[in-house]
């Protein structure tokens, strides 16, 4: 319903990889619980995070083939920590506007 910015997408990917070393298709599936993200959208994000030093890759055999796994780095963990701080602040600001108007008390009605 709401578009996801590149920064929020980075934060979400880092958060998923922080939970466990994982591969691209699984990240796409996990992201589907919060947003409609296709593999064609996700893989450039993974490459960018890897190029920026936030993620590392390693190959692991799976059913006779190598599967590329992603692992968060110390830099990625630092970025994720900052994203979480920024998200919390952003969420508070948006919620202050979107939340229902508080009910008027009887004292306020008499003013």
PDB file of N, CA and C in Angstrom:
ATOM      1  N   UNK A   1       0.817  -1.192   0.000  1.00  0.00           N
ATOM      2  CA  UNK A   1       0.000   0.000   0.000  1.00  0.00           C
ATOM      3  C   UNK A   1       0.860   1.256   0.000  1.00  0.00           C
ATOM      4  N   UNK A   2       1.917   1.267   0.813  1.00  0.00           N
ATOM      5  CA  UNK A   2       2.832   2.400   0.857  1.00  0.00           C
ATOM      6  C   UNK A   2       4.140   1.995   0.194  1.00  0.00           C
ATOM      7  N   UNK A   3       4.718   2.882  -0.619  1.00  0.00           N
ATOM      8  CA  UNK A   3       5.986   2.525  -1.264  1.00  0.00           C
ATOM      9  C   UNK A   3       7.103   2.375  -0.231  1.00  0.00           C
ATOM     10  N   UNK A   4       8.047   1.493  -0.550  1.00  0.00           N
ATOM     11  CA  UNK A   4       9.178   1.262   0.340  1.00  0.00           C
ATOM     12  C   UNK A   4      10.397   1.947  -0.255  1.00  0.00           C
ATOM     13  N   UNK A   5      11.018   2.804   0.527  1.00  0.00           N
ATOM     14  CA  UNK A   5      12.205   3.512   0.055  1.00  0.00           C
ATOM     15  C   UNK A   5      13.399   2.569   0.011  1.00  0.00           C
ATOM     16  N   UNK A   6      14.438   2.986  -0.690  1.00  0.00           N
ATOM     17  CA  UNK A   6      15.657   2.178  -0.775  1.00  0.00           C
ATOM     18  C   UNK A   6      16.265   1.989   0.612  1.00  0.00           C
ATOM     19  N   UNK A   7      16.252   3.018   1.437  1.00  0.00           N
ATOM     20  CA  UNK A   7      16.825   2.910   2.783  1.00  0.00           C
ATOM     21  C   UNK A   7      16.041   1.905   3.628  1.00  0.00           C
ATOM     22  N   UNK A   8      14.724   1.942   3.547  1.00  0.00           N
ATOM     23  CA  UNK A   8      13.914   0.999   4.318  1.00  0.00           C
ATOM     24  C   UNK A   8      14.120  -0.428   3.811  1.00  0.00           C
ATOM     25  N   UNK A   9      14.245  -0.583   2.515  1.00  0.00           N
ATOM     26  CA  UNK A   9      14.514  -1.893   1.936  1.00  0.00           C
ATOM     27  C   UNK A   9      15.867  -2.415   2.428  1.00  0.00           C
ATOM     28  N   UNK A  10      16.879  -1.558   2.431  1.00  0.00           N
ATOM     29  CA  UNK A  10      18.198  -1.948   2.956  1.00  0.00           C
ATOM     30  C   UNK A  10      18.079  -2.383   4.410  1.00  0.00           C
ATOM     31  N   UNK A  11      17.355  -1.608   5.209  1.00  0.00           N
ATOM     32  CA  UNK A  11      17.202  -1.920   6.631  1.00  0.00           C
ATOM     33  C   UNK A  11      16.508  -3.265   6.826  1.00  0.00           C
ATOM     34  N   UNK A  12      15.484  -3.521   6.043  1.00  0.00           N
ATOM     35  CA  UNK A  12      14.746  -4.773   6.174  1.00  0.00           C
ATOM     36  C   UNK A  12      15.614  -5.971   5.775  1.00  0.00           C
ATOM     37  N   UNK A  13      16.366  -5.830   4.700  1.00  0.00           N
ATOM     38  CA  UNK A  13      17.255  -6.910   4.262  1.00  0.00           C
ATOM     39  C   UNK A  13      18.324  -7.158   5.317  1.00  0.00           C
ATOM     40  N   UNK A  14      18.950  -6.097   5.814  1.00  0.00           N
ATOM     41  CA  UNK A  14      19.977  -6.263   6.842  1.00  0.00           C
ATOM     42  C   UNK A  14      19.398  -6.947   8.077  1.00  0.00           C
ATOM     43  N   UNK A  15      18.187  -6.593   8.442  1.00  0.00           N
ATOM     44  CA  UNK A  15      17.561  -7.189   9.617  1.00  0.00           C
ATOM     45  C   UNK A  15      17.325  -8.685   9.422  1.00  0.00           C
ATOM     46  N   UNK A  16      16.876  -9.078   8.237  1.00  0.00           N
ATOM     47  CA  UNK A  16      16.662 -10.497   7.963  1.00  0.00           C
ATOM     48  C   UNK A  16      17.981 -11.276   7.982  1.00  0.00           C
ATOM     49  N   UNK A  17      19.008 -10.711   7.375  1.00  0.00           N
ATOM     50  CA  UNK A  17      20.298 -11.395   7.332  1.00  0.00           C
ATOM     51  C   UNK A  17      20.951 -11.402   8.711  1.00  0.00           C
ATOM     52  N   UNK A  18      20.648 -10.404   9.531  1.00  0.00           N
ATOM     53  CA  UNK A  18      21.180 -10.370  10.897  1.00  0.00           C
ATOM     54  C   UNK A  18      20.625 -11.528  11.722  1.00  0.00           C
ATOM     55  N   UNK A  19      19.426 -11.969  11.419  1.00  0.00           N
ATOM     56  CA  UNK A  19      18.799 -13.080  12.153  1.00  0.00           C
ATOM     57  C   UNK A  19      19.495 -14.402  11.867  1.00  0.00           C
ATOM     58  N   UNK A  20      19.894 -14.588  10.603  1.00  0.00           N
ATOM     59  CA  UNK A  20      20.569 -15.829  10.196  1.00  0.00           C
ATOM     60  C   UNK A  20      21.219 -15.618   8.836  1.00  0.00           C
ATOM     61  N   UNK A  21      22.315 -16.316   8.593  1.00  0.00           N
ATOM     62  CA  UNK A  21      22.894 -16.329   7.255  1.00  0.00           C
ATOM     63  C   UNK A  21      21.857 -16.981   6.353  1.00  0.00           C
ATOM     64  N   UNK A  22      21.594 -16.359   5.226  1.00  0.00           N
ATOM     65  CA  UNK A  22      20.504 -16.852   4.388  1.00  0.00           C
ATOM     66  C   UNK A  22      20.766 -16.548   2.925  1.00  0.00           C
ATOM     67  N   UNK A  23      19.931 -17.052   2.052  1.00  0.00           N
ATOM     68  CA  UNK A  23      20.104 -16.901   0.612  1.00  0.00           C
ATOM     69  C   UNK A  23      18.984 -16.032   0.035  1.00  0.00           C
ATOM     70  N   UNK A  24      19.226 -15.557  -1.182  1.00  0.00           N
ATOM     71  CA  UNK A  24      18.350 -14.580  -1.802  1.00  0.00           C
ATOM     72  C   UNK A  24      16.890 -14.970  -1.899  1.00  0.00           C
ATOM     73  N   UNK A  25      16.599 -16.180  -2.342  1.00  0.00           N
ATOM     74  CA  UNK A  25      15.201 -16.575  -2.501  1.00  0.00           C
ATOM     75  C   UNK A  25      14.475 -16.566  -1.149  1.00  0.00           C
ATOM     76  N   UNK A  26      15.140 -17.039  -0.105  1.00  0.00           N
ATOM     77  CA  UNK A  26      14.519 -17.046   1.226  1.00  0.00           C
ATOM     78  C   UNK A  26      14.288 -15.617   1.719  1.00  0.00           C
ATOM     79  N   UNK A  27      15.221 -14.723   1.450  1.00  0.00           N
ATOM     80  CA  UNK A  27      15.041 -13.325   1.831  1.00  0.00           C
ATOM     81  C   UNK A  27      13.814 -12.758   1.127  1.00  0.00           C
ATOM     82  N   UNK A  28      13.685 -13.063  -0.167  1.00  0.00           N
ATOM     83  CA  UNK A  28      12.509 -12.600  -0.921  1.00  0.00           C
ATOM     84  C   UNK A  28      11.230 -13.119  -0.283  1.00  0.00           C
ATOM     85  N   UNK A  29      11.197 -14.393   0.062  1.00  0.00           N
ATOM     86  CA  UNK A  29      10.012 -14.985   0.678  1.00  0.00           C
ATOM     87  C   UNK A  29       9.716 -14.347   2.037  1.00  0.00           C
ATOM     88  N   UNK A  30      10.742 -14.123   2.839  1.00  0.00           N
ATOM     89  CA  UNK A  30      10.554 -13.496   4.145  1.00  0.00           C
ATOM     90  C   UNK A  30      10.067 -12.056   4.011  1.00  0.00           C
ATOM     91  N   UNK A  31      10.537 -11.365   2.990  1.00  0.00           N
ATOM     92  CA  UNK A  31      10.118  -9.972   2.765  1.00  0.00           C
ATOM     93  C   UNK A  31       8.646  -9.897   2.374  1.00  0.00           C
ATOM     94  N   UNK A  32       8.132 -10.954   1.757  1.00  0.00           N
ATOM     95  CA  UNK A  32       6.745 -10.961   1.297  1.00  0.00           C
ATOM     96  C   UNK A  32       5.754 -10.773   2.449  1.00  0.00           C
ATOM     97  N   UNK A  33       6.168 -11.064   3.690  1.00  0.00           N
ATOM     98  CA  UNK A  33       5.256 -10.872   4.818  1.00  0.00           C
ATOM     99  C   UNK A  33       5.000  -9.397   5.088  1.00  0.00           C
ATOM    100  N   UNK A  34       5.892  -8.524   4.611  1.00  0.00           N
ATOM    101  CA  UNK A  34       5.745  -7.093   4.878  1.00  0.00           C
ATOM    102  C   UNK A  34       5.547  -6.261   3.616  1.00  0.00           C
ATOM    103  N   UNK A  35       6.025  -6.754   2.490  1.00  0.00           N
ATOM    104  CA  UNK A  35       5.955  -5.951   1.266  1.00  0.00           C
ATOM    105  C   UNK A  35       6.053  -6.862   0.052  1.00  0.00           C
ATOM    106  N   UNK A  36       5.467  -6.405  -1.032  1.00  0.00           N
ATOM    107  CA  UNK A  36       5.568  -7.169  -2.280  1.00  0.00           C
ATOM    108  C   UNK A  36       6.907  -6.827  -2.926  1.00  0.00           C
ATOM    109  N   UNK A  37       7.878  -7.697  -2.718  1.00  0.00           N
ATOM    110  CA  UNK A  37       9.214  -7.496  -3.267  1.00  0.00           C
ATOM    111  C   UNK A  37       9.532  -8.683  -4.154  1.00  0.00           C
ATOM    112  N   UNK A  38       9.959  -8.416  -5.368  1.00  0.00           N
ATOM    113  CA  UNK A  38      10.316  -9.493  -6.288  1.00  0.00           C
ATOM    114  C   UNK A  38      11.818  -9.757  -6.200  1.00  0.00           C
ATOM    115  N   UNK A  39      12.214 -10.910  -6.706  1.00  0.00           N
ATOM    116  CA  UNK A  39      13.639 -11.233  -6.737  1.00  0.00           C
ATOM    117  C   UNK A  39      14.398 -10.221  -7.581  1.00  0.00           C
ATOM    118  N   UNK A  40      13.778  -9.733  -8.644  1.00  0.00           N
ATOM    119  CA  UNK A  40      14.460  -8.762  -9.508  1.00  0.00           C
ATOM    120  C   UNK A  40      14.673  -7.428  -8.792  1.00  0.00           C
ATOM    121  N   UNK A  41      13.891  -7.155  -7.781  1.00  0.00           N
ATOM    122  CA  UNK A  41      14.102  -5.958  -6.960  1.00  0.00           C
ATOM    123  C   UNK A  41      15.138  -6.234  -5.880  1.00  0.00           C
ATOM    124  N   UNK A  42      15.101  -7.433  -5.324  1.00  0.00           N
ATOM    125  CA  UNK A  42      15.956  -7.766  -4.192  1.00  0.00           C
ATOM    126  C   UNK A  42      17.420  -7.928  -4.551  1.00  0.00           C
ATOM    127  N   UNK A  43      17.730  -8.615  -5.642  1.00  0.00           N
ATOM    128  CA  UNK A  43      19.123  -8.928  -5.939  1.00  0.00           C
ATOM    129  C   UNK A  43      20.004  -7.692  -6.141  1.00  0.00           C
ATOM    130  N   UNK A  44      19.521  -6.631  -6.786  1.00  0.00           N
ATOM    131  CA  UNK A  44      20.355  -5.410  -6.835  1.00  0.00           C
ATOM    132  C   UNK A  44      20.619  -4.834  -5.434  1.00  0.00           C
ATOM    133  N   UNK A  45      19.654  -4.964  -4.527  1.00  0.00           N
ATOM    134  CA  UNK A  45      19.846  -4.496  -3.151  1.00  0.00           C
ATOM    135  C   UNK A  45      20.940  -5.316  -2.480  1.00  0.00           C
ATOM    136  N   UNK A  46      20.882  -6.629  -2.641  1.00  0.00           N
ATOM    137  CA  UNK A  46      21.905  -7.497  -2.058  1.00  0.00           C
ATOM    138  C   UNK A  46      23.286  -7.174  -2.620  1.00  0.00           C
ATOM    139  N   UNK A  47      23.380  -6.955  -3.930  1.00  0.00           N
ATOM    140  CA  UNK A  47      24.676  -6.614  -4.549  1.00  0.00           C
ATOM    141  C   UNK A  47      25.192  -5.285  -4.027  1.00  0.00           C
ATOM    142  N   UNK A  48      24.299  -4.299  -3.897  1.00  0.00           N
ATOM    143  CA  UNK A  48      24.713  -2.986  -3.402  1.00  0.00           C
ATOM    144  C   UNK A  48      25.213  -3.089  -1.955  1.00  0.00           C
ATOM    145  N   UNK A  49      24.472  -3.822  -1.111  1.00  0.00           N
ATOM    146  CA  UNK A  49      24.896  -3.978   0.284  1.00  0.00           C
ATOM    147  C   UNK A  49      26.218  -4.736   0.379  1.00  0.00           C
ATOM    148  N   UNK A  50      26.418  -5.677  -0.509  1.00  0.00           N
ATOM    149  CA  UNK A  50      27.682  -6.402  -0.527  1.00  0.00           C
ATOM    150  C   UNK A  50      28.818  -5.470  -0.986  1.00  0.00           C
ATOM    151  N   UNK A  51      28.563  -4.714  -2.035  1.00  0.00           N
ATOM    152  CA  UNK A  51      29.578  -3.788  -2.560  1.00  0.00           C
ATOM    153  C   UNK A  51      29.951  -2.739  -1.511  1.00  0.00           C
ATOM    154  N   UNK A  52      28.962  -2.311  -0.710  1.00  0.00           N
ATOM    155  CA  UNK A  52      29.202  -1.300   0.319  1.00  0.00           C
ATOM    156  C   UNK A  52      29.839  -1.877   1.579  1.00  0.00           C
ATOM    157  N   UNK A  53      30.015  -3.202   1.631  1.00  0.00           N
ATOM    158  CA  UNK A  53      30.665  -3.826   2.774  1.00  0.00           C
ATOM    159  C   UNK A  53      29.729  -4.197   3.911  1.00  0.00           C
ATOM    160  N   UNK A  54      28.408  -4.093   3.686  1.00  0.00           N
ATOM    161  CA  UNK A  54      27.439  -4.424   4.736  1.00  0.00           C
ATOM    162  C   UNK A  54      27.146  -5.919   4.786  1.00  0.00           C
ATOM    163  N   UNK A  55      27.344  -6.600   3.659  1.00  0.00           N
ATOM    164  CA  UNK A  55      27.115  -8.040   3.577  1.00  0.00           C
ATOM    165  C   UNK A  55      28.324  -8.724   2.954  1.00  0.00           C
ATOM    166  N   UNK A  56      28.520  -9.975   3.352  1.00  0.00           N
ATOM    167  CA  UNK A  56      29.504 -10.847   2.716  1.00  0.00           C
ATOM    168  C   UNK A  56      28.747 -12.031   2.146  1.00  0.00           C
ATOM    169  N   UNK A  57      29.350 -12.706   1.173  1.00  0.00           N
ATOM    170  CA  UNK A  57      28.719 -13.893   0.617  1.00  0.00           C
ATOM    171  C   UNK A  57      29.638 -15.100   0.799  1.00  0.00           C
ATOM    172  N   UNK A  58      29.019 -16.238   0.829  1.00  0.00           N
ATOM    173  CA  UNK A  58      29.749 -17.502   0.786  1.00  0.00           C
ATOM    174  C   UNK A  58      28.848 -18.528   0.129  1.00  0.00           C
ATOM    175  N   UNK A  59      29.451 -19.500  -0.496  1.00  0.00           N
ATOM    176  CA  UNK A  59      28.697 -20.549  -1.170  1.00  0.00           C
ATOM    177  C   UNK A  59      28.619 -21.773  -0.277  1.00  0.00           C
ATOM    178  N   UNK A  60      27.488 -22.444  -0.354  1.00  0.00           N
ATOM    179  CA  UNK A  60      27.254 -23.646   0.434  1.00  0.00           C
ATOM    180  C   UNK A  60      26.531 -24.646  -0.463  1.00  0.00           C
ATOM    181  N   UNK A  61      26.984 -25.885  -0.443  1.00  0.00           N
ATOM    182  CA  UNK A  61      26.369 -26.913  -1.286  1.00  0.00           C
ATOM    183  C   UNK A  61      24.948 -27.195  -0.817  1.00  0.00           C
ATOM    184  N   UNK A  62      24.046 -27.308  -1.802  1.00  0.00           N
ATOM    185  CA  UNK A  62      22.654 -27.650  -1.519  1.00  0.00           C
ATOM    186  C   UNK A  62      22.131 -28.474  -2.684  1.00  0.00           C
ATOM    187  N   UNK A  63      21.809 -29.728  -2.431  1.00  0.00           N
ATOM    188  CA  UNK A  63      21.260 -30.634  -3.444  1.00  0.00           C
ATOM    189  C   UNK A  63      22.116 -30.665  -4.720  1.00  0.00           C
ATOM    190  N   UNK A  64      23.423 -30.791  -4.525  1.00  0.00           N
ATOM    191  CA  UNK A  64      24.333 -30.906  -5.654  1.00  0.00           C
ATOM    192  C   UNK A  64      24.709 -29.601  -6.329  1.00  0.00           C
ATOM    193  N   UNK A  65      24.219 -28.491  -5.819  1.00  0.00           N
ATOM    194  CA  UNK A  65      24.542 -27.173  -6.400  1.00  0.00           C
ATOM    195  C   UNK A  65      25.036 -26.266  -5.290  1.00  0.00           C
ATOM    196  N   UNK A  66      25.717 -25.226  -5.684  1.00  0.00           N
ATOM    197  CA  UNK A  66      26.130 -24.217  -4.707  1.00  0.00           C
ATOM    198  C   UNK A  66      25.045 -23.165  -4.586  1.00  0.00           C
ATOM    199  N   UNK A  67      24.756 -22.806  -3.369  1.00  0.00           N
ATOM    200  CA  UNK A  67      23.780 -21.751  -3.096  1.00  0.00           C
ATOM    201  C   UNK A  67      24.555 -20.605  -2.449  1.00  0.00           C
ATOM    202  N   UNK A  68      24.320 -19.387  -2.922  1.00  0.00           N
ATOM    203  CA  UNK A  68      25.010 -18.216  -2.384  1.00  0.00           C
ATOM    204  C   UNK A  68      24.271 -17.724  -1.144  1.00  0.00           C
ATOM    205  N   UNK A  69      24.987 -17.672  -0.043  1.00  0.00           N
ATOM    206  CA  UNK A  69      24.450 -17.194   1.227  1.00  0.00           C
ATOM    207  C   UNK A  69      24.994 -15.808   1.525  1.00  0.00           C
ATOM    208  N   UNK A  70      24.217 -15.050   2.269  1.00  0.00           N
ATOM    209  CA  UNK A  70      24.602 -13.697   2.680  1.00  0.00           C
ATOM    210  C   UNK A  70      24.762 -13.671   4.191  1.00  0.00           C
ATOM    211  N   UNK A  71      25.796 -12.965   4.620  1.00  0.00           N
ATOM    212  CA  UNK A  71      26.121 -12.838   6.042  1.00  0.00           C
ATOM    213  C   UNK A  71      26.361 -11.359   6.322  1.00  0.00           C
ATOM    214  N   UNK A  72      25.819 -10.867   7.419  1.00  0.00           N
ATOM    215  CA  UNK A  72      25.998  -9.457   7.766  1.00  0.00           C
ATOM    216  C   UNK A  72      27.402  -9.242   8.335  1.00  0.00           C
ATOM    217  N   UNK A  73      28.001  -8.117   8.017  1.00  0.00           N
ATOM    218  CA  UNK A  73      29.328  -7.754   8.518  1.00  0.00           C
ATOM    219  C   UNK A  73      29.180  -6.813   9.710  1.00  0.00           C
ATOM    220  N   UNK A  74      30.293  -6.476  10.329  1.00  0.00           N
ATOM    221  CA  UNK A  74      30.269  -5.500  11.431  1.00  0.00           C
ATOM    222  C   UNK A  74      29.739  -4.156  10.929  1.00  0.00           C
ATOM    223  N   UNK A  75      30.142  -3.759   9.728  1.00  0.00           N
ATOM    224  CA  UNK A  75      29.626  -2.515   9.151  1.00  0.00           C
ATOM    225  C   UNK A  75      28.121  -2.616   8.931  1.00  0.00           C
ATOM    226  N   UNK A  76      27.661  -3.761   8.441  1.00  0.00           N
ATOM    227  CA  UNK A  76      26.227  -3.963   8.240  1.00  0.00           C
ATOM    228  C   UNK A  76      25.459  -3.892   9.549  1.00  0.00           C
ATOM    229  N   UNK A  77      26.023  -4.435  10.615  1.00  0.00           N
ATOM    230  CA  UNK A  77      25.371  -4.367  11.925  1.00  0.00           C
ATOM    231  C   UNK A  77      25.298  -2.927  12.429  1.00  0.00           C
ATOM    232  N   UNK A  78      26.351  -2.161  12.175  1.00  0.00           N
ATOM    233  CA  UNK A  78      26.336  -0.749  12.571  1.00  0.00           C
ATOM    234  C   UNK A  78      25.282   0.013  11.769  1.00  0.00           C
ATOM    235  N   UNK A  79      25.210  -0.273  10.478  1.00  0.00           N
ATOM    236  CA  UNK A  79      24.196   0.370   9.640  1.00  0.00           C
ATOM    237  C   UNK A  79      22.797  -0.003  10.120  1.00  0.00           C
ATOM    238  N   UNK A  80      22.595  -1.273  10.433  1.00  0.00           N
ATOM    239  CA  UNK A  80      21.290  -1.734  10.905  1.00  0.00           C
ATOM    240  C   UNK A  80      20.909  -1.049  12.209  1.00  0.00           C
ATOM    241  N   UNK A  81      21.852  -0.899  13.111  1.00  0.00           N
ATOM    242  CA  UNK A  81      21.568  -0.207  14.377  1.00  0.00           C
ATOM    243  C   UNK A  81      21.104   1.216  14.120  1.00  0.00           C
ATOM    244  N   UNK A  82      21.766   1.910  13.203  1.00  0.00           N
ATOM    245  CA  UNK A  82      21.364   3.284  12.887  1.00  0.00           C
ATOM    246  C   UNK A  82      20.008   3.307  12.193  1.00  0.00           C
ATOM    247  N   UNK A  83      19.779   2.365  11.275  1.00  0.00           N
ATOM    248  CA  UNK A  83      18.469   2.283  10.617  1.00  0.00           C
ATOM    249  C   UNK A  83      17.362   2.090  11.651  1.00  0.00           C
ATOM    250  N   UNK A  84      17.604   1.267  12.656  1.00  0.00           N
ATOM    251  CA  UNK A  84      16.592   1.026  13.689  1.00  0.00           C
ATOM    252  C   UNK A  84      16.309   2.283  14.487  1.00  0.00           C
ATOM    253  N   UNK A  85      17.327   3.055  14.819  1.00  0.00           N
ATOM    254  CA  UNK A  85      17.126   4.329  15.515  1.00  0.00           C
ATOM    255  C   UNK A  85      16.319   5.278  14.637  1.00  0.00           C
ATOM    256  N   UNK A  86      16.741   5.403  13.382  1.00  0.00           N
ATOM    257  CA  UNK A  86      16.049   6.305  12.450  1.00  0.00           C
ATOM    258  C   UNK A  86      14.603   5.876  12.237  1.00  0.00           C
ATOM    259  N   UNK A  87      14.365   4.560  12.114  1.00  0.00           N
ATOM    260  CA  UNK A  87      13.003   4.063  11.908  1.00  0.00           C
ATOM    261  C   UNK A  87      12.124   4.386  13.113  1.00  0.00           C
ATOM    262  N   UNK A  88      12.644   4.187  14.306  1.00  0.00           N
ATOM    263  CA  UNK A  88      11.866   4.462  15.515  1.00  0.00           C
ATOM    264  C   UNK A  88      11.465   5.931  15.566  1.00  0.00           C
ATOM    265  N   UNK A  89      12.411   6.815  15.257  1.00  0.00           N
ATOM    266  CA  UNK A  89      12.107   8.252  15.250  1.00  0.00           C
ATOM    267  C   UNK A  89      11.077   8.580  14.171  1.00  0.00           C
ATOM    268  N   UNK A  90      11.256   8.014  12.993  1.00  0.00           N
ATOM    269  CA  UNK A  90      10.330   8.260  11.888  1.00  0.00           C
ATOM    270  C   UNK A  90       8.928   7.752  12.235  1.00  0.00           C
ATOM    271  N   UNK A  91       8.861   6.566  12.802  1.00  0.00           N
ATOM    272  CA  UNK A  91       7.579   5.972  13.169  1.00  0.00           C
ATOM    273  C   UNK A  91       6.847   6.834  14.199  1.00  0.00           C
ATOM    274  N   UNK A  92       7.557   7.336  15.184  1.00  0.00           N
ATOM    275  CA  UNK A  92       6.948   8.202  16.202  1.00  0.00           C
ATOM    276  C   UNK A  92       6.383   9.460  15.547  1.00  0.00           C
ATOM    277  N   UNK A  93       7.145  10.044  14.631  1.00  0.00           N
ATOM    278  CA  UNK A  93       6.682  11.259  13.955  1.00  0.00           C
ATOM    279  C   UNK A  93       5.440  11.004  13.105  1.00  0.00           C
ATOM    280  N   UNK A  94       5.445   9.909  12.352  1.00  0.00           N
ATOM    281  CA  UNK A  94       4.282   9.584  11.513  1.00  0.00           C
ATOM    282  C   UNK A  94       3.088   9.230  12.384  1.00  0.00           C
ATOM    283  N   UNK A  95       3.318   8.418  13.424  1.00  0.00           N
ATOM    284  CA  UNK A  95       2.217   8.042  14.317  1.00  0.00           C
ATOM    285  C   UNK A  95       1.584   9.257  14.975  1.00  0.00           C
ATOM    286  N   UNK A  96       2.372  10.279  15.263  1.00  0.00           N
ATOM    287  CA  UNK A  96       1.814  11.472  15.909  1.00  0.00           C
ATOM    288  C   UNK A  96       0.795  12.167  15.013  1.00  0.00           C
ATOM    289  N   UNK A  97       0.901  11.942  13.727  1.00  0.00           N
ATOM    290  CA  UNK A  97      -0.055  12.528  12.788  1.00  0.00           C
ATOM    291  C   UNK A  97      -1.186  11.556  12.471  1.00  0.00           C
ATOM    292  N   UNK A  98      -0.852  10.292  12.288  1.00  0.00           N
ATOM    293  CA  UNK A  98      -1.841   9.315  11.844  1.00  0.00           C
ATOM    294  C   UNK A  98      -2.754   8.780  12.939  1.00  0.00           C
ATOM    295  N   UNK A  99      -2.291   8.774  14.171  1.00  0.00           N
ATOM    296  CA  UNK A  99      -3.108   8.189  15.233  1.00  0.00           C
ATOM    297  C   UNK A  99      -4.392   8.987  15.414  1.00  0.00           C
ATOM    298  N   UNK A 100      -5.413   8.290  15.869  1.00  0.00           N
ATOM    299  CA  UNK A 100      -6.719   8.915  16.067  1.00  0.00           C
ATOM    300  C   UNK A 100      -6.605  10.090  17.035  1.00  0.00           C
ATOM    301  N   UNK A 101      -7.441  11.064  16.799  1.00  0.00           N
ATOM    302  CA  UNK A 101      -7.477  12.234  17.669  1.00  0.00           C
ATOM    303  C   UNK A 101      -7.943  11.811  19.056  1.00  0.00           C
ATOM    304  N   UNK A 102      -7.244  12.247  20.088  1.00  0.00           N
ATOM    305  CA  UNK A 102      -7.660  11.857  21.446  1.00  0.00           C
ATOM    306  C   UNK A 102      -9.056  12.399  21.762  1.00  0.00           C
ATOM    307  N   UNK A 103      -9.772  11.666  22.564  1.00  0.00           N
ATOM    308  CA  UNK A 103     -11.114  12.103  22.969  1.00  0.00           C
ATOM    309  C   UNK A 103     -10.996  13.361  23.820  1.00  0.00           C
ATOM    310  N   UNK A 104     -11.954  14.244  23.664  1.00  0.00           N
ATOM    311  CA  UNK A 104     -11.977  15.485  24.437  1.00  0.00           C
ATOM    312  C   UNK A 104     -12.557  15.173  25.808  1.00  0.00           C
ATOM    313  N   UNK A 105     -11.855  15.634  26.842  1.00  0.00           N
ATOM    314  CA  UNK A 105     -12.354  15.412  28.206  1.00  0.00           C
ATOM    315  C   UNK A 105     -13.397  16.458  28.541  1.00  0.00           C
ATOM    316  N   UNK A 106     -14.185  16.217  29.574  1.00  0.00           N
ATOM    317  CA  UNK A 106     -15.232  17.155  29.958  1.00  0.00           C
ATOM    318  C   UNK A 106     -14.636  18.491  30.388  1.00  0.00           C
ATOM    319  N   UNK A 107     -13.452  18.496  30.978  1.00  0.00           N
ATOM    320  CA  UNK A 107     -12.799  19.775  31.356  1.00  0.00           C
ATOM    321  C   UNK A 107     -12.480  20.589  30.123  1.00  0.00           C
ATOM    322  N   UNK A 108     -11.985  19.932  29.051  1.00  0.00           N
ATOM    323  CA  UNK A 108     -11.632  20.653  27.838  1.00  0.00           C
ATOM    324  C   UNK A 108     -12.870  21.188  27.158  1.00  0.00           C
ATOM    325  N   UNK A 109     -13.997  20.495  27.255  1.00  0.00           N
ATOM    326  CA  UNK A 109     -15.231  20.968  26.631  1.00  0.00           C
ATOM    327  C   UNK A 109     -15.717  22.243  27.278  1.00  0.00           C
ATOM    328  N   UNK A 110     -15.450  22.426  28.565  1.00  0.00           N
ATOM    329  CA  UNK A 110     -15.913  23.592  29.300  1.00  0.00           C
ATOM    330  C   UNK A 110     -15.027  24.811  29.082  1.00  0.00           C
ATOM    331  N   UNK A 111     -13.935  24.652  28.411  1.00  0.00           N
ATOM    332  CA  UNK A 111     -13.004  25.792  28.229  1.00  0.00           C
ATOM    333  C   UNK A 111     -13.436  26.639  27.086  1.00  0.00           C
TER     334      UNK A 111
END
